[in-house]
Amino acid sequence: MADKDVLASWAESVFDAGRWTRTVFRKGSGPAVIIIHEIPGLHPQVVAYGEKVAAAGFTVFLPSLFGKPGKPISTGYGIAEILKNMCVRREFNVWANGRSSPIVDWLRALARKAHGECGGKGVGALGMCFTGGFALAMMTEPAVVAPVLSQPSLPLGKKGADKIDCSAAEIACAKRRFEEEDLHAIALAFNGDDFVPPQRLDMLEETFGKARMKVRRIDPSCGKQGTGRPPHSVLTVHLTNSGPTAEAEAETIAFFHQRLDA
């Protein structure tokens, strides 16, 4: 199977927001949900999650920020993309520096466009791993009303264990909007995941309150095993057909219905 065959039924376009230009795949009808892929790229399991969200009654946008769309995960592919995006790409900030990645501006512009085209009460945004915190930073765009942070892994390093890759202004904006607009977010992670320190999840709950930041900590024994790596990707690689990860998947879709349906 060619890499992009998994995206054959998706409409492909290019979105230029000025500073950045990226390919976007679109499918479905109804309110918009932007699903931002994890390392190493827009791989088949991310597309599979997008298919489920589209089938549930949403217009799904899958932006391709790095990697090759449709290419399956492999260890070599993953390492190459981590090194490239950590060391070369100006669009991404991976260390604890009190700011979000510049590419988030492009994602905010995509959210405005998606809301204008799809209507509804707003846009859902779900980030994974490398992009997990992007969904929270996107909330400075008023159209974004349903953020999901799946295994938010930035910033890297011990100094960033109790931080998220958002600026103080972005955190303050999200906190204000949660209160004024009666919004909340969902955060998902496996317990013991080295890329998602428990201090980060604790910080999110303390900053926003448990009623506004609903953290689901999942027993790693409940994640898909035999993948060659400890459970990390809640909604994709380590998703199971039943149990806590399947419940987390259903929770995200129910959340989008709650916040986006007219």
C-alpha atoms as a PDB file:
ATOM      1  CA  MET A   1       0.000   0.000   0.000  1.00  0.00           C
ATOM      2  CA  ALA A   2       1.331   3.417  -0.928  1.00  0.00           C
ATOM      3  CA  ASP A   3       1.744   5.813   1.961  1.00  0.00           C
ATOM      4  CA  LYS A   4      -1.112   8.133   1.006  1.00  0.00           C
ATOM      5  CA  ASP A   5      -3.625   5.359   0.261  1.00  0.00           C
ATOM      6  CA  VAL A   6      -4.980   5.716   3.807  1.00  0.00           C
ATOM      7  CA  LEU A   7      -5.851   9.312   2.889  1.00  0.00           C
ATOM      8  CA  ALA A   8      -7.339   8.543  -0.532  1.00  0.00           C
ATOM      9  CA  SER A   9     -10.893   9.343   0.587  1.00  0.00           C
ATOM     10  CA  TRP A  10      -9.838  12.673   2.130  1.00  0.00           C
ATOM     11  CA  ALA A  11      -9.909  15.991   0.259  1.00  0.00           C
ATOM     12  CA  GLU A  12      -6.390  17.424   0.045  1.00  0.00           C
ATOM     13  CA  SER A  13      -5.614  21.144  -0.068  1.00  0.00           C
ATOM     14  CA  VAL A  14      -2.871  23.587   0.818  1.00  0.00           C
ATOM     15  CA  PHE A  15      -3.472  26.293   3.410  1.00  0.00           C
ATOM     16  CA  ASP A  16      -1.268  29.388   3.353  1.00  0.00           C
ATOM     17  CA  ALA A  17      -1.523  31.590   6.441  1.00  0.00           C
ATOM     18  CA  GLY A  18       1.268  33.945   5.474  1.00  0.00           C
ATOM     19  CA  ARG A  19       4.326  32.818   7.383  1.00  0.00           C
ATOM     20  CA  TRP A  20       3.649  29.091   7.042  1.00  0.00           C
ATOM     21  CA  THR A  21       2.046  26.874   4.402  1.00  0.00           C
ATOM     22  CA  ARG A  22       0.972  23.301   5.031  1.00  0.00           C
ATOM     23  CA  THR A  23      -1.089  20.529   3.441  1.00  0.00           C
ATOM     24  CA  VAL A  24      -4.452  19.796   5.052  1.00  0.00           C
ATOM     25  CA  PHE A  25      -6.700  16.752   4.588  1.00  0.00           C
ATOM     26  CA  ARG A  26     -10.440  17.160   5.144  1.00  0.00           C
ATOM     27  CA  LYS A  27     -13.372  14.791   5.540  1.00  0.00           C
ATOM     28  CA  GLY A  28     -16.917  14.772   6.879  1.00  0.00           C
ATOM     29  CA  SER A  29     -19.618  17.310   7.605  1.00  0.00           C
ATOM     30  CA  GLY A  30     -20.761  19.223  10.649  1.00  0.00           C
ATOM     31  CA  PRO A  31     -18.744  21.326  13.135  1.00  0.00           C
ATOM     32  CA  ALA A  32     -14.991  21.421  12.626  1.00  0.00           C
ATOM     33  CA  VAL A  33     -12.437  19.400  14.583  1.00  0.00           C
ATOM     34  CA  ILE A  34      -8.715  19.880  13.944  1.00  0.00           C
ATOM     35  CA  ILE A  35      -6.650  16.804  14.807  1.00  0.00           C
ATOM     36  CA  ILE A  36      -2.929  17.566  15.062  1.00  0.00           C
ATOM     37  CA  HIS A  37      -0.755  14.519  14.578  1.00  0.00           C
ATOM     38  CA  GLU A  38       2.058  13.251  16.753  1.00  0.00           C
ATOM     39  CA  ILE A  39       5.650  12.271  15.936  1.00  0.00           C
ATOM     40  CA  PRO A  40       6.639  11.094  13.361  1.00  0.00           C
ATOM     41  CA  GLY A  41       3.815  12.484  11.196  1.00  0.00           C
ATOM     42  CA  LEU A  42       0.286  11.966   9.907  1.00  0.00           C
ATOM     43  CA  HIS A  43       0.520   8.191  10.235  1.00  0.00           C
ATOM     44  CA  PRO A  44      -2.293   5.656   9.606  1.00  0.00           C
ATOM     45  CA  GLN A  45      -3.424   5.412  13.246  1.00  0.00           C
ATOM     46  CA  VAL A  46      -3.948   9.188  13.427  1.00  0.00           C
ATOM     47  CA  VAL A  47      -5.981   8.950  10.220  1.00  0.00           C
ATOM     48  CA  ALA A  48      -8.001   6.094  11.738  1.00  0.00           C
ATOM     49  CA  TYR A  49      -8.916   8.263  14.728  1.00  0.00           C
ATOM     50  CA  GLY A  50      -9.859  11.052  12.321  1.00  0.00           C
ATOM     51  CA  GLU A  51     -12.131   8.641  10.442  1.00  0.00           C
ATOM     52  CA  LYS A  52     -14.003   7.872  13.663  1.00  0.00           C
ATOM     53  CA  VAL A  53     -14.471  11.553  14.478  1.00  0.00           C
ATOM     54  CA  ALA A  54     -15.716  12.271  10.949  1.00  0.00           C
ATOM     55  CA  ALA A  55     -18.134   9.318  11.142  1.00  0.00           C
ATOM     56  CA  ALA A  56     -19.475  10.756  14.412  1.00  0.00           C
ATOM     57  CA  GLY A  57     -20.733  13.862  12.586  1.00  0.00           C
ATOM     58  CA  PHE A  58     -17.852  16.319  12.332  1.00  0.00           C
ATOM     59  CA  THR A  59     -15.780  17.933   9.616  1.00  0.00           C
ATOM     60  CA  VAL A  60     -12.267  16.737  10.416  1.00  0.00           C
ATOM     61  CA  PHE A  61      -9.164  18.658   9.386  1.00  0.00           C
ATOM     62  CA  LEU A  62      -5.861  16.766   9.459  1.00  0.00           C
ATOM     63  CA  PRO A  63      -2.981  19.212   8.960  1.00  0.00           C
ATOM     64  CA  SER A  64       0.379  17.716   8.025  1.00  0.00           C
ATOM     65  CA  LEU A  65       2.977  19.666  10.021  1.00  0.00           C
ATOM     66  CA  PHE A  66       5.971  17.365   9.519  1.00  0.00           C
ATOM     67  CA  GLY A  67       6.764  13.896   8.219  1.00  0.00           C
ATOM     68  CA  LYS A  68       5.196  12.228   5.185  1.00  0.00           C
ATOM     69  CA  PRO A  69       1.376  11.962   5.127  1.00  0.00           C
ATOM     70  CA  GLY A  70       0.207   8.376   5.440  1.00  0.00           C
ATOM     71  CA  LYS A  71       3.639   6.886   6.138  1.00  0.00           C
ATOM     72  CA  PRO A  72       3.508   4.161   8.819  1.00  0.00           C
ATOM     73  CA  ILE A  73       5.466   4.505  12.039  1.00  0.00           C
ATOM     74  CA  SER A  74       8.919   2.951  12.347  1.00  0.00           C
ATOM     75  CA  THR A  75      11.717   3.507  14.839  1.00  0.00           C
ATOM     76  CA  GLY A  76      14.047   5.049  12.259  1.00  0.00           C
ATOM     77  CA  TYR A  77      11.331   7.322  10.897  1.00  0.00           C
ATOM     78  CA  GLY A  78      10.428   8.492  14.396  1.00  0.00           C
ATOM     79  CA  ILE A  79      14.002   9.242  15.429  1.00  0.00           C
ATOM     80  CA  ALA A  80      14.675  11.143  12.211  1.00  0.00           C
ATOM     81  CA  GLU A  81      11.628  13.366  12.689  1.00  0.00           C
ATOM     82  CA  ILE A  82      12.414  14.015  16.359  1.00  0.00           C
ATOM     83  CA  LEU A  83      15.940  15.137  15.522  1.00  0.00           C
ATOM     84  CA  LYS A  84      14.797  17.234  12.575  1.00  0.00           C
ATOM     85  CA  ASN A  85      12.058  19.038  14.493  1.00  0.00           C
ATOM     86  CA  MET A  86      14.125  19.517  17.645  1.00  0.00           C
ATOM     87  CA  CYS A  87      17.244  20.821  15.980  1.00  0.00           C
ATOM     88  CA  VAL A  88      16.315  22.356  12.631  1.00  0.00           C
ATOM     89  CA  ARG A  89      12.733  23.527  12.262  1.00  0.00           C
ATOM     90  CA  ARG A  90      12.009  27.089  13.373  1.00  0.00           C
ATOM     91  CA  GLU A  91       8.300  26.324  13.666  1.00  0.00           C
ATOM     92  CA  PHE A  92       8.733  24.366  16.898  1.00  0.00           C
ATOM     93  CA  ASN A  93       9.934  25.102  20.429  1.00  0.00           C
ATOM     94  CA  VAL A  94      10.701  21.969  22.393  1.00  0.00           C
ATOM     95  CA  TRP A  95      12.416  23.307  25.524  1.00  0.00           C
ATOM     96  CA  ALA A  96      11.064  25.134  28.576  1.00  0.00           C
ATOM     97  CA  ASN A  97      11.170  28.743  27.380  1.00  0.00           C
ATOM     98  CA  GLY A  98       7.735  30.023  28.364  1.00  0.00           C
ATOM     99  CA  ARG A  99       6.274  30.174  24.888  1.00  0.00           C
ATOM    100  CA  SER A 100       4.376  28.083  22.386  1.00  0.00           C
ATOM    101  CA  SER A 101       5.638  26.962  19.000  1.00  0.00           C
ATOM    102  CA  PRO A 102       5.355  29.527  16.152  1.00  0.00           C
ATOM    103  CA  ILE A 103       3.349  27.027  14.045  1.00  0.00           C
ATOM    104  CA  VAL A 104       0.462  27.519  16.497  1.00  0.00           C
ATOM    105  CA  ASP A 105      -0.244  30.830  14.718  1.00  0.00           C
ATOM    106  CA  TRP A 106      -0.884  28.848  11.536  1.00  0.00           C
ATOM    107  CA  LEU A 107      -3.174  26.462  13.433  1.00  0.00           C
ATOM    108  CA  ARG A 108      -5.166  29.386  14.854  1.00  0.00           C
ATOM    109  CA  ALA A 109      -5.636  30.703  11.306  1.00  0.00           C
ATOM    110  CA  LEU A 110      -6.781  27.243  10.206  1.00  0.00           C
ATOM    111  CA  ALA A 111      -9.299  27.202  13.067  1.00  0.00           C
ATOM    112  CA  ARG A 112     -10.715  30.573  11.957  1.00  0.00           C
ATOM    113  CA  LYS A 113     -11.048  29.309   8.405  1.00  0.00           C
ATOM    114  CA  ALA A 114     -12.602  26.012   9.493  1.00  0.00           C
ATOM    115  CA  HIS A 115     -15.161  27.742  11.707  1.00  0.00           C
ATOM    116  CA  GLY A 116     -16.070  30.161   8.927  1.00  0.00           C
ATOM    117  CA  GLU A 117     -16.675  27.285   6.532  1.00  0.00           C
ATOM    118  CA  CYS A 118     -18.329  24.781   8.890  1.00  0.00           C
ATOM    119  CA  GLY A 119     -20.197  27.020  11.309  1.00  0.00           C
ATOM    120  CA  GLY A 120     -21.459  25.669  14.605  1.00  0.00           C
ATOM    121  CA  LYS A 121     -20.599  26.815  18.116  1.00  0.00           C
ATOM    122  CA  GLY A 122     -16.871  26.615  17.536  1.00  0.00           C
ATOM    123  CA  VAL A 123     -13.960  24.352  16.664  1.00  0.00           C
ATOM    124  CA  GLY A 124     -12.470  21.371  18.457  1.00  0.00           C
ATOM    125  CA  ALA A 125      -8.684  21.025  18.596  1.00  0.00           C
ATOM    126  CA  LEU A 126      -6.831  17.879  19.589  1.00  0.00           C
ATOM    127  CA  GLY A 127      -3.046  17.649  19.821  1.00  0.00           C
ATOM    128  CA  MET A 128      -0.962  14.538  20.423  1.00  0.00           C
ATOM    129  CA  CYS A 129       2.482  14.104  21.990  1.00  0.00           C
ATOM    130  CA  PHE A 130       4.778  16.698  20.367  1.00  0.00           C
ATOM    131  CA  THR A 131       1.661  18.765  19.527  1.00  0.00           C
ATOM    132  CA  GLY A 132      -0.385  18.008  22.660  1.00  0.00           C
ATOM    133  CA  GLY A 133      -0.011  21.471  24.161  1.00  0.00           C
ATOM    134  CA  PHE A 134      -0.828  23.156  20.861  1.00  0.00           C
ATOM    135  CA  ALA A 135      -4.559  22.643  21.480  1.00  0.00           C
ATOM    136  CA  LEU A 136      -4.364  24.721  24.665  1.00  0.00           C
ATOM    137  CA  ALA A 137      -2.251  27.471  23.068  1.00  0.00           C
ATOM    138  CA  MET A 138      -4.785  27.677  20.222  1.00  0.00           C
ATOM    139  CA  MET A 139      -7.399  29.025  22.639  1.00  0.00           C
ATOM    140  CA  THR A 140      -6.283  32.598  22.007  1.00  0.00           C
ATOM    141  CA  GLU A 141      -8.336  32.070  18.837  1.00  0.00           C
ATOM    142  CA  PRO A 142     -11.978  32.594  19.924  1.00  0.00           C
ATOM    143  CA  ALA A 143     -13.241  29.912  17.528  1.00  0.00           C
ATOM    144  CA  VAL A 144     -11.483  27.169  19.521  1.00  0.00           C
ATOM    145  CA  VAL A 145     -13.827  25.989  22.259  1.00  0.00           C
ATOM    146  CA  ALA A 146     -13.020  22.292  22.762  1.00  0.00           C
ATOM    147  CA  PRO A 147      -9.309  21.557  23.375  1.00  0.00           C
ATOM    148  CA  VAL A 148      -7.970  18.042  24.007  1.00  0.00           C
ATOM    149  CA  LEU A 149      -4.367  17.452  25.096  1.00  0.00           C
ATOM    150  CA  SER A 150      -3.418  13.841  24.407  1.00  0.00           C
ATOM    151  CA  GLN A 151      -0.105  12.846  26.038  1.00  0.00           C
ATOM    152  CA  PRO A 152       1.232  16.469  25.957  1.00  0.00           C
ATOM    153  CA  SER A 153       5.002  15.936  25.786  1.00  0.00           C
ATOM    154  CA  LEU A 154       6.506  19.414  25.561  1.00  0.00           C
ATOM    155  CA  PRO A 155       8.604  20.948  26.900  1.00  0.00           C
ATOM    156  CA  LEU A 156      11.245  18.240  27.032  1.00  0.00           C
ATOM    157  CA  GLY A 157      13.679  17.787  29.901  1.00  0.00           C
ATOM    158  CA  LYS A 158      13.486  17.787  33.683  1.00  0.00           C
ATOM    159  CA  LYS A 159      13.369  21.594  33.866  1.00  0.00           C
ATOM    160  CA  GLY A 160      10.080  21.534  32.003  1.00  0.00           C
ATOM    161  CA  ALA A 161       8.420  18.740  33.959  1.00  0.00           C
ATOM    162  CA  ASP A 162       5.867  21.053  35.606  1.00  0.00           C
ATOM    163  CA  LYS A 163       5.319  23.225  32.515  1.00  0.00           C
ATOM    164  CA  ILE A 164       3.379  23.131  29.254  1.00  0.00           C
ATOM    165  CA  ASP A 165       4.508  24.649  25.960  1.00  0.00           C
ATOM    166  CA  CYS A 166       2.333  27.756  26.245  1.00  0.00           C
ATOM    167  CA  SER A 167       3.152  31.348  27.115  1.00  0.00           C
ATOM    168  CA  ALA A 168       1.857  32.970  30.294  1.00  0.00           C
ATOM    169  CA  ALA A 169      -0.502  35.072  28.158  1.00  0.00           C
ATOM    170  CA  GLU A 170      -1.894  31.974  26.417  1.00  0.00           C
ATOM    171  CA  ILE A 171      -2.465  30.228  29.740  1.00  0.00           C
ATOM    172  CA  ALA A 172      -4.157  33.313  31.161  1.00  0.00           C
ATOM    173  CA  CYS A 173      -6.386  33.589  28.086  1.00  0.00           C
ATOM    174  CA  ALA A 174      -7.425  29.941  28.321  1.00  0.00           C
ATOM    175  CA  LYS A 175      -8.122  30.270  32.043  1.00  0.00           C
ATOM    176  CA  ARG A 176     -10.239  33.372  31.495  1.00  0.00           C
ATOM    177  CA  ARG A 177     -12.190  31.769  28.648  1.00  0.00           C
ATOM    178  CA  PHE A 178     -12.839  28.618  30.664  1.00  0.00           C
ATOM    179  CA  GLU A 179     -14.517  30.728  33.335  1.00  0.00           C
ATOM    180  CA  GLU A 180     -16.279  33.322  31.189  1.00  0.00           C
ATOM    181  CA  GLU A 181     -17.529  30.906  28.520  1.00  0.00           C
ATOM    182  CA  ASP A 182     -18.029  27.880  30.796  1.00  0.00           C
ATOM    183  CA  LEU A 183     -15.501  25.795  28.836  1.00  0.00           C
ATOM    184  CA  HIS A 184     -13.158  23.008  29.815  1.00  0.00           C
ATOM    185  CA  ALA A 185     -10.388  20.859  28.385  1.00  0.00           C
ATOM    186  CA  ILE A 186      -9.464  17.181  28.501  1.00  0.00           C
ATOM    187  CA  ALA A 187      -5.937  15.859  29.067  1.00  0.00           C
ATOM    188  CA  LEU A 188      -5.032  12.204  28.487  1.00  0.00           C
ATOM    189  CA  ALA A 189      -1.856  10.307  29.408  1.00  0.00           C
ATOM    190  CA  PHE A 190      -0.574   6.959  30.615  1.00  0.00           C
ATOM    191  CA  ASN A 191       0.787   6.870  34.148  1.00  0.00           C
ATOM    192  CA  GLY A 192       4.560   6.528  34.123  1.00  0.00           C
ATOM    193  CA  ASP A 193       4.985   7.898  30.605  1.00  0.00           C
ATOM    194  CA  ASP A 194       8.461   9.442  30.608  1.00  0.00           C
ATOM    195  CA  PHE A 195       7.362  12.030  28.051  1.00  0.00           C
ATOM    196  CA  VAL A 196       4.442  13.249  30.204  1.00  0.00           C
ATOM    197  CA  PRO A 197       5.746  13.855  33.740  1.00  0.00           C
ATOM    198  CA  PRO A 198       3.118  13.661  36.491  1.00  0.00           C
ATOM    199  CA  GLN A 199       4.135  17.181  37.532  1.00  0.00           C
ATOM    200  CA  ARG A 200       2.802  18.471  34.213  1.00  0.00           C
ATOM    201  CA  LEU A 201      -0.611  16.938  34.727  1.00  0.00           C
ATOM    202  CA  ASP A 202      -0.676  18.158  38.333  1.00  0.00           C
ATOM    203  CA  MET A 203       0.205  21.664  37.149  1.00  0.00           C
ATOM    204  CA  LEU A 204      -2.624  21.653  34.616  1.00  0.00           C
ATOM    205  CA  GLU A 205      -5.137  20.657  37.287  1.00  0.00           C
ATOM    206  CA  GLU A 206      -3.799  23.220  39.757  1.00  0.00           C
ATOM    207  CA  THR A 207      -3.720  26.039  37.204  1.00  0.00           C
ATOM    208  CA  PHE A 208      -7.150  25.524  35.702  1.00  0.00           C
ATOM    209  CA  GLY A 209      -8.950  23.537  38.385  1.00  0.00           C
ATOM    210  CA  LYS A 210     -10.076  19.939  38.115  1.00  0.00           C
ATOM    211  CA  ALA A 211     -13.511  20.982  36.915  1.00  0.00           C
ATOM    212  CA  ARG A 212     -11.998  22.857  33.949  1.00  0.00           C
ATOM    213  CA  MET A 213      -9.025  20.608  33.153  1.00  0.00           C
ATOM    214  CA  LYS A 214     -10.280  17.043  33.234  1.00  0.00           C
ATOM    215  CA  VAL A 215      -7.206  14.825  33.390  1.00  0.00           C
ATOM    216  CA  ARG A 216      -7.519  11.122  32.656  1.00  0.00           C
ATOM    217  CA  ARG A 217      -4.514   9.156  33.927  1.00  0.00           C
ATOM    218  CA  ILE A 218      -4.486   5.685  32.384  1.00  0.00           C
ATOM    219  CA  ASP A 219      -2.898   2.522  33.770  1.00  0.00           C
ATOM    220  CA  PRO A 220      -0.188   1.563  31.235  1.00  0.00           C
ATOM    221  CA  SER A 221      -1.124  -2.112  31.551  1.00  0.00           C
ATOM    222  CA  CYS A 222      -4.391  -1.156  29.823  1.00  0.00           C
ATOM    223  CA  GLY A 223      -2.622   0.183  26.723  1.00  0.00           C
ATOM    224  CA  LYS A 224      -1.900  -1.906  23.664  1.00  0.00           C
ATOM    225  CA  GLN A 225       1.137  -4.071  24.312  1.00  0.00           C
ATOM    226  CA  GLY A 226       3.693  -5.611  21.972  1.00  0.00           C
ATOM    227  CA  THR A 227       4.342  -2.415  20.044  1.00  0.00           C
ATOM    228  CA  GLY A 228       8.035  -2.279  20.897  1.00  0.00           C
ATOM    229  CA  ARG A 229       7.668   0.784  23.116  1.00  0.00           C
ATOM    230  CA  PRO A 230       6.001   1.565  26.470  1.00  0.00           C
ATOM    231  CA  PRO A 231       2.386   2.797  26.172  1.00  0.00           C
ATOM    232  CA  HIS A 232       2.339   6.456  25.151  1.00  0.00           C
ATOM    233  CA  SER A 233      -0.108   7.205  22.329  1.00  0.00           C
ATOM    234  CA  VAL A 234      -3.529   6.975  23.973  1.00  0.00           C
ATOM    235  CA  LEU A 235      -5.706   7.433  20.884  1.00  0.00           C
ATOM    236  CA  THR A 236      -3.506   5.819  18.237  1.00  0.00           C
ATOM    237  CA  VAL A 237      -0.635   3.340  18.604  1.00  0.00           C
ATOM    238  CA  HIS A 238      -1.579   2.077  22.070  1.00  0.00           C
ATOM    239  CA  LEU A 239      -5.365   2.289  21.691  1.00  0.00           C
ATOM    240  CA  THR A 240      -7.227  -0.930  22.521  1.00  0.00           C
ATOM    241  CA  ASN A 241     -10.692  -2.059  21.454  1.00  0.00           C
ATOM    242  CA  SER A 242     -12.019  -1.936  25.017  1.00  0.00           C
ATOM    243  CA  GLY A 243     -11.011  -0.650  28.425  1.00  0.00           C
ATOM    244  CA  PRO A 244      -9.661   2.760  29.486  1.00  0.00           C
ATOM    245  CA  THR A 245      -8.147   3.823  26.147  1.00  0.00           C
ATOM    246  CA  ALA A 246     -11.355   3.016  24.276  1.00  0.00           C
ATOM    247  CA  GLU A 247     -13.239   4.929  26.960  1.00  0.00           C
ATOM    248  CA  ALA A 248     -10.893   7.893  26.491  1.00  0.00           C
ATOM    249  CA  GLU A 249     -11.514   7.807  22.751  1.00  0.00           C
ATOM    250  CA  ALA A 250     -15.284   7.800  23.304  1.00  0.00           C
ATOM    251  CA  GLU A 251     -14.914  10.624  25.829  1.00  0.00           C
ATOM    252  CA  THR A 252     -13.167  12.867  23.294  1.00  0.00           C
ATOM    253  CA  ILE A 253     -15.912  12.364  20.717  1.00  0.00           C
ATOM    254  CA  ALA A 254     -18.637  12.967  23.319  1.00  0.00           C
ATOM    255  CA  PHE A 255     -16.778  16.121  24.369  1.00  0.00           C
ATOM    256  CA  PHE A 256     -16.800  17.417  20.804  1.00  0.00           C
ATOM    257  CA  HIS A 257     -20.544  16.786  20.583  1.00  0.00           C
ATOM    258  CA  GLN A 258     -21.134  18.541  23.912  1.00  0.00           C
ATOM    259  CA  ARG A 259     -19.183  21.658  22.949  1.00  0.00           C
ATOM    260  CA  LEU A 260     -19.711  21.928  19.198  1.00  0.00           C
ATOM    261  CA  ASP A 261     -23.189  20.712  18.325  1.00  0.00           C
ATOM    262  CA  ALA A 262     -25.787  23.397  17.798  1.00  0.00           C
END
